[in-house]
Amino acid sequence: MNKCLHILQGKVTLIGCGGVTSGEDAYKKIRSGATLVQLYTALAYGGPALIPRIKAELAECLERDGFKSVQEAVGADFKPLKA
């Protein structure tokens, strides 16, 4: 995702998908630059109860790292590519 962020420079919305089964998984994708996170397989297996759990875990991650909103965390791990 870092390479995509560098090339696209925020011109395209990045969607983090694949392997999202927890708030921590979603948080990692957000910090990598995703502004949206897709749940599919985990939702199919976990059902609707999965969503409040992931939201609560994501809120804990944000608070732990001092972010007041998801938007503040988007791209937090972005590292400029070496020339």
PDB file of N, CA and C in Angstrom:
ATOM      1  N   MET A   1       0.819  -1.193   0.000  1.00  0.00           N
ATOM      2  CA  MET A   1       0.000   0.000   0.000  1.00  0.00           C
ATOM      3  C   MET A   1       0.860   1.254   0.000  1.00  0.00           C
ATOM      4  N   ASN A   2       2.020   1.180   0.628  1.00  0.00           N
ATOM      5  CA  ASN A   2       2.888   2.339   0.680  1.00  0.00           C
ATOM      6  C   ASN A   2       3.255   2.806  -0.731  1.00  0.00           C
ATOM      7  N   LYS A   3       3.580   1.879  -1.609  1.00  0.00           N
ATOM      8  CA  LYS A   3       3.933   2.232  -2.985  1.00  0.00           C
ATOM      9  C   LYS A   3       2.735   2.877  -3.697  1.00  0.00           C
ATOM     10  N   CYS A   4       1.539   2.325  -3.479  1.00  0.00           N
ATOM     11  CA  CYS A   4       0.328   2.901  -4.074  1.00  0.00           C
ATOM     12  C   CYS A   4       0.111   4.325  -3.574  1.00  0.00           C
ATOM     13  N   LEU A   5       0.276   4.545  -2.269  1.00  0.00           N
ATOM     14  CA  LEU A   5       0.101   5.878  -1.703  1.00  0.00           C
ATOM     15  C   LEU A   5       1.062   6.866  -2.343  1.00  0.00           C
ATOM     16  N   HIS A   6       2.294   6.439  -2.514  1.00  0.00           N
ATOM     17  CA  HIS A   6       3.313   7.306  -3.094  1.00  0.00           C
ATOM     18  C   HIS A   6       2.955   7.677  -4.531  1.00  0.00           C
ATOM     19  N   ILE A   7       2.587   6.694  -5.320  1.00  0.00           N
ATOM     20  CA  ILE A   7       2.281   6.912  -6.736  1.00  0.00           C
ATOM     21  C   ILE A   7       1.004   7.734  -6.907  1.00  0.00           C
ATOM     22  N   LEU A   8      -0.022   7.397  -6.150  1.00  0.00           N
ATOM     23  CA  LEU A   8      -1.331   8.028  -6.330  1.00  0.00           C
ATOM     24  C   LEU A   8      -1.481   9.363  -5.607  1.00  0.00           C
ATOM     25  N   GLN A   9      -0.664   9.603  -4.599  1.00  0.00           N
ATOM     26  CA  GLN A   9      -0.653  10.857  -3.842  1.00  0.00           C
ATOM     27  C   GLN A   9      -2.048  11.325  -3.429  1.00  0.00           C
ATOM     28  N   GLY A  10      -2.868  10.405  -2.951  1.00  0.00           N
ATOM     29  CA  GLY A  10      -4.187  10.750  -2.442  1.00  0.00           C
ATOM     30  C   GLY A  10      -5.244  11.034  -3.496  1.00  0.00           C
ATOM     31  N   LYS A  11      -4.943  10.771  -4.751  1.00  0.00           N
ATOM     32  CA  LYS A  11      -5.888  11.051  -5.827  1.00  0.00           C
ATOM     33  C   LYS A  11      -6.959   9.971  -5.962  1.00  0.00           C
ATOM     34  N   VAL A  12      -6.742   8.819  -5.352  1.00  0.00           N
ATOM     35  CA  VAL A  12      -7.659   7.688  -5.452  1.00  0.00           C
ATOM     36  C   VAL A  12      -7.917   7.152  -4.043  1.00  0.00           C
ATOM     37  N   THR A  13      -9.139   6.764  -3.783  1.00  0.00           N
ATOM     38  CA  THR A  13      -9.473   6.145  -2.504  1.00  0.00           C
ATOM     39  C   THR A  13      -8.939   4.726  -2.477  1.00  0.00           C
ATOM     40  N   LEU A  14      -8.179   4.400  -1.434  1.00  0.00           N
ATOM     41  CA  LEU A  14      -7.662   3.042  -1.267  1.00  0.00           C
ATOM     42  C   LEU A  14      -8.576   2.280  -0.320  1.00  0.00           C
ATOM     43  N   ILE A  15      -8.915   1.056  -0.700  1.00  0.00           N
ATOM     44  CA  ILE A  15      -9.784   0.203   0.108  1.00  0.00           C
ATOM     45  C   ILE A  15      -8.971  -0.983   0.588  1.00  0.00           C
ATOM     46  N   GLY A  16      -8.865  -1.129   1.897  1.00  0.00           N
ATOM     47  CA  GLY A  16      -8.155  -2.260   2.482  1.00  0.00           C
ATOM     48  C   GLY A  16      -9.088  -3.465   2.528  1.00  0.00           C
ATOM     49  N   CYS A  17      -8.676  -4.543   1.901  1.00  0.00           N
ATOM     50  CA  CYS A  17      -9.517  -5.744   1.911  1.00  0.00           C
ATOM     51  C   CYS A  17      -8.633  -6.975   2.014  1.00  0.00           C
ATOM     52  N   GLY A  18      -9.241  -8.029   2.484  1.00  0.00           N
ATOM     53  CA  GLY A  18      -8.540  -9.298   2.643  1.00  0.00           C
ATOM     54  C   GLY A  18      -7.960  -9.456   4.036  1.00  0.00           C
ATOM     55  N   GLY A  19      -8.407 -10.467   4.727  1.00  0.00           N
ATOM     56  CA  GLY A  19      -7.845 -10.792   6.035  1.00  0.00           C
ATOM     57  C   GLY A  19      -8.285  -9.889   7.169  1.00  0.00           C
ATOM     58  N   VAL A  20      -9.366  -9.188   7.010  1.00  0.00           N
ATOM     59  CA  VAL A  20      -9.834  -8.300   8.080  1.00  0.00           C
ATOM     60  C   VAL A  20     -10.817  -9.067   8.957  1.00  0.00           C
ATOM     61  N   THR A  21     -10.340  -9.481  10.117  1.00  0.00           N
ATOM     62  CA  THR A  21     -11.184 -10.228  11.053  1.00  0.00           C
ATOM     63  C   THR A  21     -11.254  -9.566  12.428  1.00  0.00           C
ATOM     64  N   SER A  22     -10.533  -8.442  12.578  1.00  0.00           N
ATOM     65  CA  SER A  22     -10.507  -7.764  13.875  1.00  0.00           C
ATOM     66  C   SER A  22     -10.302  -6.272  13.669  1.00  0.00           C
ATOM     67  N   GLY A  23     -10.494  -5.531  14.734  1.00  0.00           N
ATOM     68  CA  GLY A  23     -10.240  -4.108  14.687  1.00  0.00           C
ATOM     69  C   GLY A  23      -8.770  -3.814  14.429  1.00  0.00           C
ATOM     70  N   GLU A  24      -7.901  -4.630  14.964  1.00  0.00           N
ATOM     71  CA  GLU A  24      -6.459  -4.458  14.730  1.00  0.00           C
ATOM     72  C   GLU A  24      -6.131  -4.637  13.249  1.00  0.00           C
ATOM     73  N   ASP A  25      -6.748  -5.628  12.600  1.00  0.00           N
ATOM     74  CA  ASP A  25      -6.534  -5.831  11.159  1.00  0.00           C
ATOM     75  C   ASP A  25      -6.986  -4.600  10.374  1.00  0.00           C
ATOM     76  N   ALA A  26      -8.152  -4.083  10.711  1.00  0.00           N
ATOM     77  CA  ALA A  26      -8.666  -2.889  10.034  1.00  0.00           C
ATOM     78  C   ALA A  26      -7.743  -1.702  10.279  1.00  0.00           C
ATOM     79  N   TYR A  27      -7.279  -1.567  11.499  1.00  0.00           N
ATOM     80  CA  TYR A  27      -6.390  -0.470  11.883  1.00  0.00           C
ATOM     81  C   TYR A  27      -5.087  -0.495  11.083  1.00  0.00           C
ATOM     82  N   LYS A  28      -4.531  -1.660  10.888  1.00  0.00           N
ATOM     83  CA  LYS A  28      -3.294  -1.784  10.111  1.00  0.00           C
ATOM     84  C   LYS A  28      -3.510  -1.308   8.677  1.00  0.00           C
ATOM     85  N   LYS A  29      -4.647  -1.639   8.108  1.00  0.00           N
ATOM     86  CA  LYS A  29      -4.943  -1.214   6.734  1.00  0.00           C
ATOM     87  C   LYS A  29      -5.147   0.306   6.679  1.00  0.00           C
ATOM     88  N   ILE A  30      -5.784   0.849   7.689  1.00  0.00           N
ATOM     89  CA  ILE A  30      -6.000   2.295   7.771  1.00  0.00           C
ATOM     90  C   ILE A  30      -4.665   3.017   7.901  1.00  0.00           C
ATOM     91  N   ARG A  31      -3.824   2.566   8.792  1.00  0.00           N
ATOM     92  CA  ARG A  31      -2.504   3.191   8.965  1.00  0.00           C
ATOM     93  C   ARG A  31      -1.659   3.080   7.702  1.00  0.00           C
ATOM     94  N   SER A  32      -1.946   2.062   6.903  1.00  0.00           N
ATOM     95  CA  SER A  32      -1.218   1.884   5.641  1.00  0.00           C
ATOM     96  C   SER A  32      -1.760   2.775   4.525  1.00  0.00           C
ATOM     97  N   GLY A  33      -2.892   3.428   4.762  1.00  0.00           N
ATOM     98  CA  GLY A  33      -3.420   4.372   3.782  1.00  0.00           C
ATOM     99  C   GLY A  33      -4.837   4.127   3.315  1.00  0.00           C
ATOM    100  N   ALA A  34      -5.455   3.060   3.767  1.00  0.00           N
ATOM    101  CA  ALA A  34      -6.835   2.785   3.362  1.00  0.00           C
ATOM    102  C   ALA A  34      -7.789   3.767   4.046  1.00  0.00           C
ATOM    103  N   THR A  35      -8.709   4.320   3.259  1.00  0.00           N
ATOM    104  CA  THR A  35      -9.743   5.178   3.844  1.00  0.00           C
ATOM    105  C   THR A  35     -11.044   4.406   4.010  1.00  0.00           C
ATOM    106  N   LEU A  36     -11.111   3.232   3.416  1.00  0.00           N
ATOM    107  CA  LEU A  36     -12.236   2.310   3.582  1.00  0.00           C
ATOM    108  C   LEU A  36     -11.665   0.929   3.855  1.00  0.00           C
ATOM    109  N   VAL A  37     -12.400   0.125   4.619  1.00  0.00           N
ATOM    110  CA  VAL A  37     -11.997  -1.258   4.898  1.00  0.00           C
ATOM    111  C   VAL A  37     -13.169  -2.158   4.577  1.00  0.00           C
ATOM    112  N   GLN A  38     -12.911  -3.172   3.783  1.00  0.00           N
ATOM    113  CA  GLN A  38     -13.964  -4.095   3.354  1.00  0.00           C
ATOM    114  C   GLN A  38     -13.954  -5.359   4.208  1.00  0.00           C
ATOM    115  N   LEU A  39     -15.136  -5.726   4.657  1.00  0.00           N
ATOM    116  CA  LEU A  39     -15.329  -6.997   5.358  1.00  0.00           C
ATOM    117  C   LEU A  39     -16.198  -7.867   4.462  1.00  0.00           C
ATOM    118  N   TYR A  40     -15.779  -9.063   4.243  1.00  0.00           N
ATOM    119  CA  TYR A  40     -16.633  -9.946   3.456  1.00  0.00           C
ATOM    120  C   TYR A  40     -16.643 -11.337   4.072  1.00  0.00           C
ATOM    121  N   THR A  41     -15.551 -12.056   3.940  1.00  0.00           N
ATOM    122  CA  THR A  41     -15.514 -13.426   4.443  1.00  0.00           C
ATOM    123  C   THR A  41     -15.744 -13.465   5.949  1.00  0.00           C
ATOM    124  N   ALA A  42     -15.062 -12.567   6.687  1.00  0.00           N
ATOM    125  CA  ALA A  42     -15.228 -12.553   8.139  1.00  0.00           C
ATOM    126  C   ALA A  42     -16.672 -12.266   8.517  1.00  0.00           C
ATOM    127  N   LEU A  43     -17.323 -11.384   7.775  1.00  0.00           N
ATOM    128  CA  LEU A  43     -18.724 -11.067   8.039  1.00  0.00           C
ATOM    129  C   LEU A  43     -19.620 -12.262   7.729  1.00  0.00           C
ATOM    130  N   ALA A  44     -19.296 -12.981   6.654  1.00  0.00           N
ATOM    131  CA  ALA A  44     -20.078 -14.164   6.297  1.00  0.00           C
ATOM    132  C   ALA A  44     -19.999 -15.221   7.392  1.00  0.00           C
ATOM    133  N   TYR A  45     -18.813 -15.381   7.984  1.00  0.00           N
ATOM    134  CA  TYR A  45     -18.644 -16.388   9.033  1.00  0.00           C
ATOM    135  C   TYR A  45     -19.043 -15.872  10.416  1.00  0.00           C
ATOM    136  N   GLY A  46     -18.769 -14.587  10.688  1.00  0.00           N
ATOM    137  CA  GLY A  46     -19.027 -14.038  12.010  1.00  0.00           C
ATOM    138  C   GLY A  46     -20.405 -13.443  12.193  1.00  0.00           C
ATOM    139  N   GLY A  47     -21.041 -13.118  11.085  1.00  0.00           N
ATOM    140  CA  GLY A  47     -22.376 -12.526  11.160  1.00  0.00           C
ATOM    141  C   GLY A  47     -22.333 -11.072  11.586  1.00  0.00           C
ATOM    142  N   PRO A  48     -23.501 -10.459  11.688  1.00  0.00           N
ATOM    143  CA  PRO A  48     -23.594  -9.037  12.022  1.00  0.00           C
ATOM    144  C   PRO A  48     -22.971  -8.655  13.363  1.00  0.00           C
ATOM    145  N   ALA A  49     -22.871  -9.593  14.287  1.00  0.00           N
ATOM    146  CA  ALA A  49     -22.275  -9.297  15.595  1.00  0.00           C
ATOM    147  C   ALA A  49     -20.801  -8.931  15.482  1.00  0.00           C
ATOM    148  N   LEU A  50     -20.192  -9.275  14.378  1.00  0.00           N
ATOM    149  CA  LEU A  50     -18.784  -8.971  14.153  1.00  0.00           C
ATOM    150  C   LEU A  50     -18.544  -7.455  14.066  1.00  0.00           C
ATOM    151  N   ILE A  51     -19.478  -6.725  13.512  1.00  0.00           N
ATOM    152  CA  ILE A  51     -19.278  -5.297  13.257  1.00  0.00           C
ATOM    153  C   ILE A  51     -19.080  -4.482  14.540  1.00  0.00           C
ATOM    154  N   PRO A  52     -19.934  -4.599  15.555  1.00  0.00           N
ATOM    155  CA  PRO A  52     -19.691  -3.820  16.779  1.00  0.00           C
ATOM    156  C   PRO A  52     -18.380  -4.214  17.461  1.00  0.00           C
ATOM    157  N   ARG A  53     -17.999  -5.480  17.360  1.00  0.00           N
ATOM    158  CA  ARG A  53     -16.734  -5.925  17.964  1.00  0.00           C
ATOM    159  C   ARG A  53     -15.559  -5.253  17.258  1.00  0.00           C
ATOM    160  N   ILE A  54     -15.570  -5.253  15.921  1.00  0.00           N
ATOM    161  CA  ILE A  54     -14.487  -4.632  15.168  1.00  0.00           C
ATOM    162  C   ILE A  54     -14.442  -3.122  15.434  1.00  0.00           C
ATOM    163  N   LYS A  55     -15.607  -2.492  15.501  1.00  0.00           N
ATOM    164  CA  LYS A  55     -15.647  -1.055  15.795  1.00  0.00           C
ATOM    165  C   LYS A  55     -15.046  -0.751  17.167  1.00  0.00           C
ATOM    166  N   ALA A  56     -15.374  -1.562  18.154  1.00  0.00           N
ATOM    167  CA  ALA A  56     -14.844  -1.349  19.504  1.00  0.00           C
ATOM    168  C   ALA A  56     -13.332  -1.560  19.533  1.00  0.00           C
ATOM    169  N   GLU A  57     -12.873  -2.609  18.873  1.00  0.00           N
ATOM    170  CA  GLU A  57     -11.423  -2.873  18.821  1.00  0.00           C
ATOM    171  C   GLU A  57     -10.688  -1.756  18.081  1.00  0.00           C
ATOM    172  N   LEU A  58     -11.273  -1.268  17.005  1.00  0.00           N
ATOM    173  CA  LEU A  58     -10.662  -0.171  16.250  1.00  0.00           C
ATOM    174  C   LEU A  58     -10.582   1.085  17.117  1.00  0.00           C
ATOM    175  N   ALA A  59     -11.628   1.373  17.852  1.00  0.00           N
ATOM    176  CA  ALA A  59     -11.625   2.534  18.755  1.00  0.00           C
ATOM    177  C   ALA A  59     -10.515   2.405  19.797  1.00  0.00           C
ATOM    178  N   GLU A  60     -10.297   1.195  20.312  1.00  0.00           N
ATOM    179  CA  GLU A  60      -9.223   0.967  21.280  1.00  0.00           C
ATOM    180  C   GLU A  60      -7.857   1.232  20.646  1.00  0.00           C
ATOM    181  N   CYS A  61      -7.670   0.789  19.416  1.00  0.00           N
ATOM    182  CA  CYS A  61      -6.397   1.005  18.714  1.00  0.00           C
ATOM    183  C   CYS A  61      -6.141   2.495  18.519  1.00  0.00           C
ATOM    184  N   LEU A  62      -7.168   3.215  18.088  1.00  0.00           N
ATOM    185  CA  LEU A  62      -7.028   4.651  17.872  1.00  0.00           C
ATOM    186  C   LEU A  62      -6.667   5.368  19.172  1.00  0.00           C
ATOM    187  N   GLU A  63      -7.379   5.040  20.236  1.00  0.00           N
ATOM    188  CA  GLU A  63      -7.116   5.674  21.528  1.00  0.00           C
ATOM    189  C   GLU A  63      -5.711   5.344  22.027  1.00  0.00           C
ATOM    190  N   ARG A  64      -5.318   4.094  21.894  1.00  0.00           N
ATOM    191  CA  ARG A  64      -3.992   3.642  22.333  1.00  0.00           C
ATOM    192  C   ARG A  64      -2.878   4.460  21.678  1.00  0.00           C
ATOM    193  N   ASP A  65      -3.068   4.799  20.399  1.00  0.00           N
ATOM    194  CA  ASP A  65      -2.025   5.499  19.652  1.00  0.00           C
ATOM    195  C   ASP A  65      -2.245   7.006  19.567  1.00  0.00           C
ATOM    196  N   GLY A  66      -3.245   7.511  20.299  1.00  0.00           N
ATOM    197  CA  GLY A  66      -3.437   8.943  20.414  1.00  0.00           C
ATOM    198  C   GLY A  66      -4.176   9.612  19.261  1.00  0.00           C
ATOM    199  N   PHE A  67      -4.884   8.833  18.462  1.00  0.00           N
ATOM    200  CA  PHE A  67      -5.673   9.409  17.374  1.00  0.00           C
ATOM    201  C   PHE A  67      -7.079   9.705  17.879  1.00  0.00           C
ATOM    202  N   LYS A  68      -7.633  10.831  17.453  1.00  0.00           N
ATOM    203  CA  LYS A  68      -8.989  11.203  17.849  1.00  0.00           C
ATOM    204  C   LYS A  68     -10.023  10.734  16.838  1.00  0.00           C
ATOM    205  N   SER A  69      -9.565  10.364  15.641  1.00  0.00           N
ATOM    206  CA  SER A  69     -10.491   9.899  14.603  1.00  0.00           C
ATOM    207  C   SER A  69      -9.762   8.938  13.667  1.00  0.00           C
ATOM    208  N   VAL A  70     -10.544   8.197  12.908  1.00  0.00           N
ATOM    209  CA  VAL A  70      -9.969   7.306  11.899  1.00  0.00           C
ATOM    210  C   VAL A  70      -9.202   8.139  10.878  1.00  0.00           C
ATOM    211  N   GLN A  71      -9.765   9.269  10.482  1.00  0.00           N
ATOM    212  CA  GLN A  71      -9.124  10.119   9.468  1.00  0.00           C
ATOM    213  C   GLN A  71      -7.703  10.502   9.863  1.00  0.00           C
ATOM    214  N   GLU A  72      -7.474  10.755  11.146  1.00  0.00           N
ATOM    215  CA  GLU A  72      -6.125  11.099  11.612  1.00  0.00           C
ATOM    216  C   GLU A  72      -5.149   9.945  11.408  1.00  0.00           C
ATOM    217  N   ALA A  73      -5.638   8.722  11.473  1.00  0.00           N
ATOM    218  CA  ALA A  73      -4.774   7.547  11.374  1.00  0.00           C
ATOM    219  C   ALA A  73      -4.496   7.113   9.935  1.00  0.00           C
ATOM    220  N   VAL A  74      -5.318   7.587   8.985  1.00  0.00           N
ATOM    221  CA  VAL A  74      -5.135   7.166   7.589  1.00  0.00           C
ATOM    222  C   VAL A  74      -3.752   7.573   7.111  1.00  0.00           C
ATOM    223  N   GLY A  75      -2.987   6.558   6.681  1.00  0.00           N
ATOM    224  CA  GLY A  75      -1.650   6.801   6.143  1.00  0.00           C
ATOM    225  C   GLY A  75      -0.586   7.108   7.171  1.00  0.00           C
ATOM    226  N   ALA A  76      -0.860   6.887   8.452  1.00  0.00           N
ATOM    227  CA  ALA A  76       0.104   7.192   9.495  1.00  0.00           C
ATOM    228  C   ALA A  76       1.432   6.454   9.317  1.00  0.00           C
ATOM    229  N   ASP A  77       1.393   5.301   8.678  1.00  0.00           N
ATOM    230  CA  ASP A  77       2.620   4.533   8.465  1.00  0.00           C
ATOM    231  C   ASP A  77       3.255   4.810   7.101  1.00  0.00           C
ATOM    232  N   PHE A  78       2.731   5.813   6.372  1.00  0.00           N
ATOM    233  CA  PHE A  78       3.252   6.154   5.052  1.00  0.00           C
ATOM    234  C   PHE A  78       4.702   6.603   5.193  1.00  0.00           C
ATOM    235  N   LYS A  79       5.549   5.998   4.381  1.00  0.00           N
ATOM    236  CA  LYS A  79       6.962   6.363   4.380  1.00  0.00           C
ATOM    237  C   LYS A  79       7.335   6.733   2.946  1.00  0.00           C
ATOM    238  N   PRO A  80       7.855   7.925   2.742  1.00  0.00           N
ATOM    239  CA  PRO A  80       8.258   8.297   1.397  1.00  0.00           C
ATOM    240  C   PRO A  80       9.268   7.290   0.826  1.00  0.00           C
ATOM    241  N   LEU A  81       9.109   6.974  -0.437  1.00  0.00           N
ATOM    242  CA  LEU A  81      10.018   6.028  -1.093  1.00  0.00           C
ATOM    243  C   LEU A  81      11.356   6.704  -1.340  1.00  0.00           C
ATOM    244  N   LYS A  82      12.421   5.909  -1.231  1.00  0.00           N
ATOM    245  CA  LYS A  82      13.758   6.435  -1.480  1.00  0.00           C
ATOM    246  C   LYS A  82      13.935   6.655  -2.988  1.00  0.00           C
ATOM    247  N   ALA A  83      14.618   7.732  -3.301  1.00  0.00           N
ATOM    248  CA  ALA A  83      14.853   8.069  -4.725  1.00  0.00           C
ATOM    249  C   ALA A  83      15.890   7.162  -5.348  1.00  0.00           C
TER     250      ALA A  83
END
